[in-house]
Structure formats: C-alpha cells, structure tokens
Amino acid sequence: MLLKSRIMIAALAVAFGLNMAGCTDSKKKVEEGVAPTAGAPEGEPAAPGADAATSAPGASGNTIYFGFDDYTLNPDAQANLNTLAESLKTNKDSVVMIEGHCDERGSVEYNLALGERRAQSVKNYLVQLGIDGGRVSTISYGEEKPAVEGHSESAWAKNRRSVYNVTVK
C-alpha cells in the first residue's frame, strides 16, 4: 500500500510538472500561505507579498531582494532600478553585471535557474526602461555566494537577491 501511494504521488508530480529532485523537507520548505501568482504557469514564482513573514525589503543600495521562490520586482525594487536606468542613460559608457542569488533551500539546479530568473528579471526591467540589453550581462550563482550565513528566515531573506555592479567600458 505504501509503495502504491508513493507511485501515485510521483505520477501526480510528473503530471503537474513538479520537479521533486533534490527537494526534501529539510532541503526545501514549502511555506504556508505562499501561493503561485494568479495566471502564472505551473512552477512559476510565489506572489510577491503573499506572506509578509517571508518577504524581504525591495531594494537597498545595489541589491534587489526577492520573496521566497520569487523573481518579481516589487515597487521598491522598481524605484531603485529607475534610478539606475537614469544613471545609465546619462553615462553611456557604463555597463552592468547583474548577479542572481538564492537562499540555501532547493536543489543546486533549481537555485541556479531561480538565480538566473532573478537576474533576468532585473535586466528585462532595465531594457523596458530603454537601456540597451547589450550593456547588461547576467550570471547566476544560485546558493553558492550567500550574503549572510545562517539557517533562519532572516538569513534566507538576505540571500534571496540580485546584485548589480556598474563599470565603465
């Protein structure tokens, strides 16, 4: 009976496109109250601000923060990037490298992909503001370069981020 239940769960996971590899209770917690964004495809990010206890601030300096399993830019992040875009429009020789980072929960593969989506989200927003995409590069570090060591929501919130660095060509 237990084997039959496990097979049914695995079949449902495959049917719904869930990637269960590397996701265990100790590796990736599913936080209560965080739901997928309405209308988003399966496996897409949680709605920003869906659970205030897991939300991080939107931006600080050259860092954009994200909610759990999210790559959506909130208004604070957008305001930060609006300022960056104005600076880039004034300084035409500047280029930007955007790093995507994740907390430690999730598989290495999943976190690299989520880090890339976070960096790409920042790049796409800058391009929408009129910045030439050729001036903006992205890289994902996944969970490999945490800003803060620790295994708490406070540490995880600081590690769910994108960091941009501006240099002159």
Foldseek 3Di string as FASTA:
>chain_A
DVVVVVVVVVVVCVVQVHDCPPADCVQAPDDPQFDCDPPDRPLAATDAPSDVVQADDQDDDQKGFGGPRHQDHDPVVLVVLVVVLVVCVVQVQKAKEKEFEAARHDDQVVQQVSRQSNSVNSLVSSVVVPDPSVRYHYGYPRHPDQPDDDDDSVSRRRGRIMGMDMDGD
